[in-house]
């Protein structure tokens, strides 16, 4: 099997998570400056088998897309142009930052580490991916 990549897209930096090849476990991969994201993904898919790319869909509580969508949509168009055979899906990312902070607290990270926005973004991407993997697994039951 191939890996699945999830990204938590931000204006300045983007968190990236990747599944194992069995698509059971999500692992934080890295955080990259957003202006380098497309090249990072292009390089990664040449080295690793990737089945699809998930992009966090920023929604507000009223289910409308948030302001960040106007940054994400051009990126997704560019990604699809560069990787036309790669499925790219949006995945609801509401509450991932809150869950990331909670995860950091529960893991016992010190305040300074919890303030590391790059780490929050990477954990958020991991939560997006793990939720997707779990939903996919339970849809087969």
N, C-alpha and C. Protein backbone atom coordinates (compact mmCIF):
# COMPACT_ATOMS: atom_id res chain seq x y z
N UNK A 1 0.84 -1.19 0.00
CA UNK A 1 0.00 0.00 0.00
C UNK A 1 0.88 1.25 0.00
N UNK A 2 0.22 2.35 -0.15
CA UNK A 2 0.90 3.64 -0.19
C UNK A 2 0.55 4.48 1.02
N UNK A 3 1.29 5.53 1.17
CA UNK A 3 1.05 6.46 2.27
C UNK A 3 -0.04 7.47 1.90
N UNK A 4 -0.58 8.09 2.93
CA UNK A 4 -1.49 9.22 2.77
C UNK A 4 -0.84 10.40 3.49
N UNK A 5 -0.86 11.55 2.85
CA UNK A 5 -0.31 12.77 3.43
C UNK A 5 -1.47 13.67 3.83
N UNK A 6 -1.35 14.32 4.98
CA UNK A 6 -2.33 15.33 5.39
C UNK A 6 -1.58 16.62 5.66
N UNK A 7 -2.20 17.73 5.28
CA UNK A 7 -1.58 19.02 5.54
C UNK A 7 -2.55 19.94 6.26
N UNK A 8 -2.00 20.67 7.22
CA UNK A 8 -2.71 21.72 7.92
C UNK A 8 -2.13 23.03 7.39
N UNK A 9 -2.79 23.56 6.36
CA UNK A 9 -2.28 24.69 5.60
C UNK A 9 -2.42 25.99 6.38
N UNK A 10 -1.34 26.73 6.44
CA UNK A 10 -1.36 28.05 7.07
C UNK A 10 -0.70 29.07 6.16
N UNK A 11 -0.96 30.33 6.41
CA UNK A 11 -0.38 31.38 5.57
C UNK A 11 1.14 31.40 5.65
N UNK A 12 1.69 31.18 6.84
CA UNK A 12 3.15 31.25 7.02
C UNK A 12 3.81 29.88 6.98
N UNK A 13 3.19 28.91 7.64
CA UNK A 13 3.79 27.57 7.72
C UNK A 13 2.67 26.55 7.65
N UNK A 14 3.06 25.34 7.25
CA UNK A 14 2.09 24.26 7.06
C UNK A 14 2.59 23.00 7.75
N UNK A 15 1.72 22.43 8.56
CA UNK A 15 2.03 21.17 9.22
C UNK A 15 1.73 20.01 8.29
N UNK A 16 2.59 19.00 8.33
CA UNK A 16 2.44 17.85 7.45
C UNK A 16 2.51 16.57 8.28
N UNK A 17 1.58 15.66 7.99
CA UNK A 17 1.58 14.34 8.63
C UNK A 17 1.52 13.30 7.53
N UNK A 18 1.96 12.10 7.85
CA UNK A 18 1.97 11.02 6.86
C UNK A 18 1.58 9.72 7.55
N UNK A 19 0.90 8.87 6.81
CA UNK A 19 0.53 7.56 7.36
C UNK A 19 1.66 6.57 7.12
N UNK A 20 1.59 5.46 7.83
CA UNK A 20 2.47 4.35 7.51
C UNK A 20 1.95 3.72 6.21
N UNK A 21 2.69 2.80 5.64
CA UNK A 21 2.27 2.23 4.35
C UNK A 21 1.02 1.35 4.47
N UNK A 22 0.70 0.89 5.68
CA UNK A 22 -0.53 0.12 5.88
C UNK A 22 -1.74 1.02 6.13
N UNK A 23 -1.49 2.32 6.21
CA UNK A 23 -2.53 3.33 6.43
C UNK A 23 -3.32 3.09 7.71
N UNK A 24 -2.57 2.80 8.76
CA UNK A 24 -3.19 2.58 10.06
C UNK A 24 -2.85 3.67 11.07
N UNK A 25 -1.65 4.21 10.97
CA UNK A 25 -1.16 5.16 11.97
C UNK A 25 -0.70 6.44 11.29
N UNK A 26 -1.11 7.56 11.87
CA UNK A 26 -0.66 8.88 11.39
C UNK A 26 0.53 9.32 12.23
N UNK A 27 1.53 9.85 11.56
CA UNK A 27 2.72 10.38 12.24
C UNK A 27 2.99 11.79 11.74
N UNK A 28 3.35 12.66 12.67
CA UNK A 28 3.77 13.99 12.26
C UNK A 28 5.04 13.86 11.44
N UNK A 29 5.11 14.56 10.34
CA UNK A 29 6.30 14.51 9.48
C UNK A 29 7.17 15.73 9.71
N UNK A 30 6.59 16.91 9.51
CA UNK A 30 7.36 18.15 9.65
C UNK A 30 6.42 19.34 9.53
N UNK A 31 6.99 20.50 9.66
CA UNK A 31 6.33 21.76 9.33
C UNK A 31 7.24 22.49 8.37
N UNK A 32 6.67 22.99 7.29
CA UNK A 32 7.48 23.70 6.30
C UNK A 32 6.91 25.09 6.08
N UNK A 33 7.77 26.03 5.72
CA UNK A 33 7.25 27.34 5.32
C UNK A 33 6.30 27.15 4.13
N UNK A 34 5.16 27.77 4.17
CA UNK A 34 4.14 27.53 3.17
C UNK A 34 4.63 27.82 1.75
N UNK A 35 5.49 28.80 1.59
CA UNK A 35 5.99 29.09 0.24
C UNK A 35 6.85 27.94 -0.31
N UNK A 36 7.28 27.01 0.55
CA UNK A 36 8.07 25.86 0.10
C UNK A 36 7.23 24.57 0.04
N UNK A 37 5.96 24.67 0.38
CA UNK A 37 5.12 23.48 0.52
C UNK A 37 5.00 22.68 -0.77
N UNK A 38 4.68 23.32 -1.86
CA UNK A 38 4.48 22.61 -3.12
C UNK A 38 5.73 21.83 -3.50
N UNK A 39 6.89 22.46 -3.42
CA UNK A 39 8.14 21.77 -3.77
C UNK A 39 8.42 20.63 -2.81
N UNK A 40 8.14 20.84 -1.52
CA UNK A 40 8.34 19.77 -0.54
C UNK A 40 7.50 18.55 -0.90
N UNK A 41 6.22 18.77 -1.23
CA UNK A 41 5.34 17.65 -1.58
C UNK A 41 5.78 16.96 -2.87
N UNK A 42 6.19 17.74 -3.86
CA UNK A 42 6.67 17.16 -5.11
C UNK A 42 7.90 16.29 -4.87
N UNK A 43 8.81 16.76 -4.02
CA UNK A 43 10.00 15.97 -3.69
C UNK A 43 9.61 14.71 -2.93
N UNK A 44 8.68 14.84 -1.99
CA UNK A 44 8.30 13.70 -1.14
C UNK A 44 7.67 12.58 -1.97
N UNK A 45 6.77 12.93 -2.89
CA UNK A 45 6.08 11.89 -3.66
C UNK A 45 6.99 11.20 -4.67
N UNK A 46 8.16 11.80 -4.96
CA UNK A 46 9.11 11.10 -5.82
C UNK A 46 9.91 10.05 -5.03
N UNK A 47 9.96 10.23 -3.70
CA UNK A 47 10.74 9.31 -2.85
C UNK A 47 9.88 8.24 -2.20
N UNK A 48 8.61 8.54 -1.95
CA UNK A 48 7.72 7.63 -1.22
C UNK A 48 6.45 7.39 -2.03
N UNK A 49 5.89 6.19 -1.93
CA UNK A 49 4.60 5.94 -2.61
C UNK A 49 3.48 6.63 -1.82
N UNK A 50 2.76 7.52 -2.48
CA UNK A 50 1.68 8.27 -1.85
C UNK A 50 0.39 8.03 -2.63
N UNK A 51 -0.65 7.64 -1.92
CA UNK A 51 -1.94 7.34 -2.54
C UNK A 51 -2.81 8.58 -2.72
N UNK A 52 -2.77 9.47 -1.72
CA UNK A 52 -3.59 10.68 -1.79
C UNK A 52 -3.07 11.72 -0.83
N UNK A 53 -3.53 12.95 -1.05
CA UNK A 53 -3.16 14.06 -0.19
C UNK A 53 -4.44 14.66 0.38
N UNK A 54 -4.46 14.82 1.69
CA UNK A 54 -5.59 15.42 2.38
C UNK A 54 -5.22 16.84 2.76
N UNK A 55 -6.16 17.75 2.55
CA UNK A 55 -5.95 19.15 2.89
C UNK A 55 -7.00 19.53 3.92
N UNK A 56 -6.55 20.06 5.04
CA UNK A 56 -7.49 20.50 6.08
C UNK A 56 -8.41 21.58 5.53
N UNK A 57 -9.71 21.37 5.71
CA UNK A 57 -10.74 22.32 5.26
C UNK A 57 -11.15 23.18 6.44
N UNK A 58 -10.75 24.44 6.41
CA UNK A 58 -11.08 25.32 7.54
C UNK A 58 -12.52 25.81 7.46
N UNK A 59 -13.33 25.33 8.39
CA UNK A 59 -14.74 25.74 8.42
C UNK A 59 -15.02 26.46 9.73
N UNK A 60 -15.98 27.36 9.64
CA UNK A 60 -16.44 28.03 10.84
C UNK A 60 -17.54 27.20 11.47
N UNK A 61 -17.97 27.59 12.66
CA UNK A 61 -18.99 26.83 13.36
C UNK A 61 -20.32 26.78 12.60
N UNK A 62 -20.59 27.79 11.77
CA UNK A 62 -21.84 27.79 10.99
C UNK A 62 -21.68 26.99 9.69
N UNK A 63 -20.61 26.27 9.56
CA UNK A 63 -20.32 25.38 8.43
C UNK A 63 -19.85 26.11 7.18
N UNK A 64 -19.64 27.41 7.25
CA UNK A 64 -19.12 28.15 6.11
C UNK A 64 -17.60 28.07 6.12
N UNK A 65 -17.03 28.16 4.93
CA UNK A 65 -15.57 28.13 4.81
C UNK A 65 -14.98 29.38 5.48
N UNK A 66 -13.84 29.20 6.12
CA UNK A 66 -13.20 30.34 6.78
C UNK A 66 -12.42 31.16 5.75
N UNK A 67 -11.90 32.26 6.23
CA UNK A 67 -11.16 33.18 5.38
C UNK A 67 -9.93 32.55 4.73
N UNK A 68 -9.32 31.57 5.39
CA UNK A 68 -8.11 30.94 4.88
C UNK A 68 -8.35 30.14 3.59
N UNK A 69 -9.60 29.84 3.27
CA UNK A 69 -9.89 29.10 2.03
C UNK A 69 -9.40 29.83 0.80
N UNK A 70 -9.39 31.14 0.84
CA UNK A 70 -8.94 31.87 -0.35
C UNK A 70 -7.43 31.72 -0.55
N UNK A 71 -6.71 31.27 0.48
CA UNK A 71 -5.29 30.94 0.33
C UNK A 71 -5.11 29.47 -0.07
N UNK A 72 -5.99 28.63 0.44
CA UNK A 72 -5.86 27.19 0.21
C UNK A 72 -6.26 26.80 -1.21
N UNK A 73 -7.33 27.37 -1.73
CA UNK A 73 -7.82 26.96 -3.06
C UNK A 73 -6.79 27.16 -4.17
N UNK A 74 -6.08 28.30 -4.23
CA UNK A 74 -5.04 28.43 -5.27
C UNK A 74 -3.92 27.39 -5.11
N UNK A 75 -3.57 27.10 -3.85
CA UNK A 75 -2.54 26.08 -3.61
C UNK A 75 -3.02 24.72 -4.13
N UNK A 76 -4.25 24.35 -3.83
CA UNK A 76 -4.78 23.05 -4.26
C UNK A 76 -4.84 22.98 -5.78
N UNK A 77 -5.21 24.07 -6.43
CA UNK A 77 -5.21 24.09 -7.91
C UNK A 77 -3.80 23.85 -8.44
N UNK A 78 -2.80 24.50 -7.85
CA UNK A 78 -1.41 24.30 -8.28
C UNK A 78 -0.96 22.86 -8.04
N UNK A 79 -1.34 22.32 -6.89
CA UNK A 79 -0.98 20.94 -6.56
C UNK A 79 -1.58 19.97 -7.57
N UNK A 80 -2.84 20.17 -7.91
CA UNK A 80 -3.51 19.28 -8.87
C UNK A 80 -2.90 19.42 -10.26
N UNK A 81 -2.42 20.60 -10.59
CA UNK A 81 -1.77 20.81 -11.88
C UNK A 81 -0.44 20.06 -11.95
N UNK A 82 0.32 20.12 -10.84
CA UNK A 82 1.63 19.46 -10.80
C UNK A 82 1.52 17.95 -10.63
N UNK A 83 0.47 17.49 -9.94
CA UNK A 83 0.26 16.06 -9.70
C UNK A 83 -1.15 15.67 -10.15
N UNK A 84 -1.39 15.67 -11.46
CA UNK A 84 -2.75 15.47 -11.95
C UNK A 84 -3.36 14.11 -11.62
N UNK A 85 -2.54 13.10 -11.37
CA UNK A 85 -3.07 11.76 -11.06
C UNK A 85 -3.23 11.51 -9.57
N UNK A 86 -2.86 12.48 -8.76
CA UNK A 86 -2.92 12.33 -7.31
C UNK A 86 -4.28 12.83 -6.79
N UNK A 87 -5.05 11.95 -6.13
CA UNK A 87 -6.29 12.43 -5.52
C UNK A 87 -5.97 13.42 -4.38
N UNK A 88 -6.68 14.52 -4.37
CA UNK A 88 -6.54 15.52 -3.33
C UNK A 88 -7.93 15.74 -2.73
N UNK A 89 -8.04 15.55 -1.43
CA UNK A 89 -9.34 15.66 -0.76
C UNK A 89 -9.27 16.70 0.35
N UNK A 90 -10.38 17.40 0.53
CA UNK A 90 -10.52 18.28 1.69
C UNK A 90 -11.08 17.47 2.85
N UNK A 91 -10.59 17.74 4.05
CA UNK A 91 -11.07 17.09 5.26
C UNK A 91 -11.32 18.17 6.30
N UNK A 92 -12.49 18.14 6.91
CA UNK A 92 -12.86 19.12 7.93
C UNK A 92 -11.80 19.16 9.03
N UNK A 93 -11.31 20.36 9.31
CA UNK A 93 -10.24 20.48 10.31
C UNK A 93 -10.69 21.24 11.55
N UNK A 94 -11.99 21.44 11.71
CA UNK A 94 -12.46 22.16 12.89
C UNK A 94 -11.97 21.48 14.16
N UNK A 95 -11.56 22.28 15.10
CA UNK A 95 -11.12 21.85 16.43
C UNK A 95 -9.75 21.17 16.45
N UNK A 96 -9.07 21.03 15.31
CA UNK A 96 -7.78 20.34 15.35
C UNK A 96 -6.75 21.11 16.17
N UNK A 97 -6.75 22.43 16.09
CA UNK A 97 -5.78 23.20 16.88
C UNK A 97 -6.07 23.05 18.37
N UNK A 98 -7.35 23.04 18.74
CA UNK A 98 -7.72 22.85 20.14
C UNK A 98 -7.28 21.47 20.60
N UNK A 99 -7.55 20.46 19.77
CA UNK A 99 -7.13 19.09 20.11
C UNK A 99 -5.61 18.98 20.17
N UNK A 100 -4.92 19.69 19.31
CA UNK A 100 -3.45 19.65 19.33
C UNK A 100 -2.92 20.21 20.65
N UNK A 101 -3.48 21.34 21.08
CA UNK A 101 -3.06 21.91 22.36
C UNK A 101 -3.38 20.97 23.52
N UNK A 102 -4.54 20.35 23.47
CA UNK A 102 -4.93 19.40 24.53
C UNK A 102 -3.96 18.21 24.55
N UNK A 103 -3.62 17.72 23.36
CA UNK A 103 -2.68 16.61 23.25
C UNK A 103 -1.33 16.98 23.85
N UNK A 104 -0.88 18.19 23.57
CA UNK A 104 0.40 18.65 24.11
C UNK A 104 0.35 18.74 25.63
N UNK A 105 -0.77 19.22 26.16
CA UNK A 105 -0.94 19.29 27.62
C UNK A 105 -0.90 17.90 28.24
N UNK A 106 -1.67 16.99 27.63
CA UNK A 106 -1.75 15.62 28.16
C UNK A 106 -0.41 14.90 28.05
N UNK A 107 0.39 15.29 27.06
CA UNK A 107 1.71 14.67 26.90
C UNK A 107 2.73 15.25 27.89
N UNK A 108 2.31 16.28 28.62
CA UNK A 108 3.18 16.85 29.63
C UNK A 108 4.21 17.83 29.09
N UNK A 109 3.96 18.37 27.90
CA UNK A 109 4.92 19.33 27.34
C UNK A 109 4.90 20.62 28.15
N UNK A 110 6.05 21.19 28.33
CA UNK A 110 6.19 22.45 29.05
C UNK A 110 5.55 23.58 28.25
N UNK A 111 5.27 24.68 28.93
CA UNK A 111 4.58 25.81 28.30
C UNK A 111 5.32 26.30 27.06
N UNK A 112 6.64 26.37 27.14
CA UNK A 112 7.43 26.86 26.00
C UNK A 112 7.22 25.96 24.77
N UNK A 113 7.21 24.66 24.97
CA UNK A 113 6.98 23.73 23.86
C UNK A 113 5.56 23.87 23.31
N UNK A 114 4.60 24.11 24.19
CA UNK A 114 3.20 24.26 23.74
C UNK A 114 2.99 25.53 22.94
N UNK A 115 3.90 26.49 23.09
CA UNK A 115 3.79 27.74 22.35
C UNK A 115 4.46 27.65 20.98
N UNK A 116 5.07 26.52 20.68
CA UNK A 116 5.73 26.30 19.40
C UNK A 116 4.65 26.07 18.33
N UNK A 117 4.37 27.11 17.55
CA UNK A 117 3.28 27.04 16.57
C UNK A 117 3.54 26.00 15.48
N UNK A 118 4.80 25.79 15.15
CA UNK A 118 5.13 24.78 14.14
C UNK A 118 4.74 23.39 14.65
N UNK A 119 4.99 23.13 15.92
CA UNK A 119 4.61 21.84 16.50
C UNK A 119 3.09 21.69 16.54
N UNK A 120 2.39 22.76 16.87
CA UNK A 120 0.92 22.72 16.87
C UNK A 120 0.40 22.39 15.48
N UNK A 121 0.98 22.99 14.45
CA UNK A 121 0.56 22.72 13.07
C UNK A 121 0.81 21.27 12.68
N UNK A 122 1.95 20.74 13.06
CA UNK A 122 2.28 19.34 12.75
C UNK A 122 1.32 18.38 13.47
N UNK A 123 1.05 18.67 14.73
CA UNK A 123 0.11 17.82 15.47
C UNK A 123 -1.29 17.94 14.88
N UNK A 124 -1.68 19.13 14.47
CA UNK A 124 -2.99 19.32 13.84
C UNK A 124 -3.11 18.48 12.57
N UNK A 125 -2.06 18.48 11.77
CA UNK A 125 -2.07 17.66 10.55
C UNK A 125 -2.18 16.18 10.91
N UNK A 126 -1.52 15.77 11.97
CA UNK A 126 -1.58 14.39 12.42
C UNK A 126 -3.00 14.02 12.86
N UNK A 127 -3.66 14.93 13.55
CA UNK A 127 -5.04 14.70 13.99
C UNK A 127 -5.97 14.59 12.78
N UNK A 128 -5.78 15.46 11.79
CA UNK A 128 -6.59 15.40 10.56
C UNK A 128 -6.43 14.03 9.92
N UNK A 129 -5.20 13.57 9.81
CA UNK A 129 -4.93 12.29 9.15
C UNK A 129 -5.45 11.12 9.97
N UNK A 130 -5.20 11.12 11.28
CA UNK A 130 -5.65 10.01 12.10
C UNK A 130 -7.18 9.90 12.09
N UNK A 131 -7.87 11.02 12.11
CA UNK A 131 -9.34 11.02 12.04
C UNK A 131 -9.79 10.44 10.71
N UNK A 132 -9.14 10.83 9.64
CA UNK A 132 -9.48 10.30 8.32
C UNK A 132 -9.27 8.78 8.28
N UNK A 133 -8.13 8.32 8.79
CA UNK A 133 -7.83 6.89 8.78
C UNK A 133 -8.85 6.11 9.60
N UNK A 134 -9.23 6.64 10.74
CA UNK A 134 -10.22 5.96 11.59
C UNK A 134 -11.59 5.91 10.91
N UNK A 135 -11.99 7.03 10.31
CA UNK A 135 -13.27 7.04 9.60
C UNK A 135 -13.28 6.08 8.44
N UNK A 136 -12.17 6.00 7.74
CA UNK A 136 -12.04 5.07 6.61
C UNK A 136 -12.14 3.62 7.09
N UNK A 137 -11.48 3.33 8.20
CA UNK A 137 -11.50 1.98 8.74
C UNK A 137 -12.91 1.58 9.20
N UNK A 138 -13.60 2.51 9.87
CA UNK A 138 -14.94 2.20 10.38
C UNK A 138 -15.99 2.17 9.27
N UNK A 139 -15.72 2.80 8.16
CA UNK A 139 -16.70 2.77 7.05
C UNK A 139 -16.74 1.39 6.39
N UNK A 140 -15.70 0.60 6.61
CA UNK A 140 -15.67 -0.75 6.05
C UNK A 140 -16.39 -1.76 6.93
N UNK A 141 -16.69 -1.40 8.16
CA UNK A 141 -17.34 -2.33 9.08
C UNK A 141 -18.82 -2.44 8.82
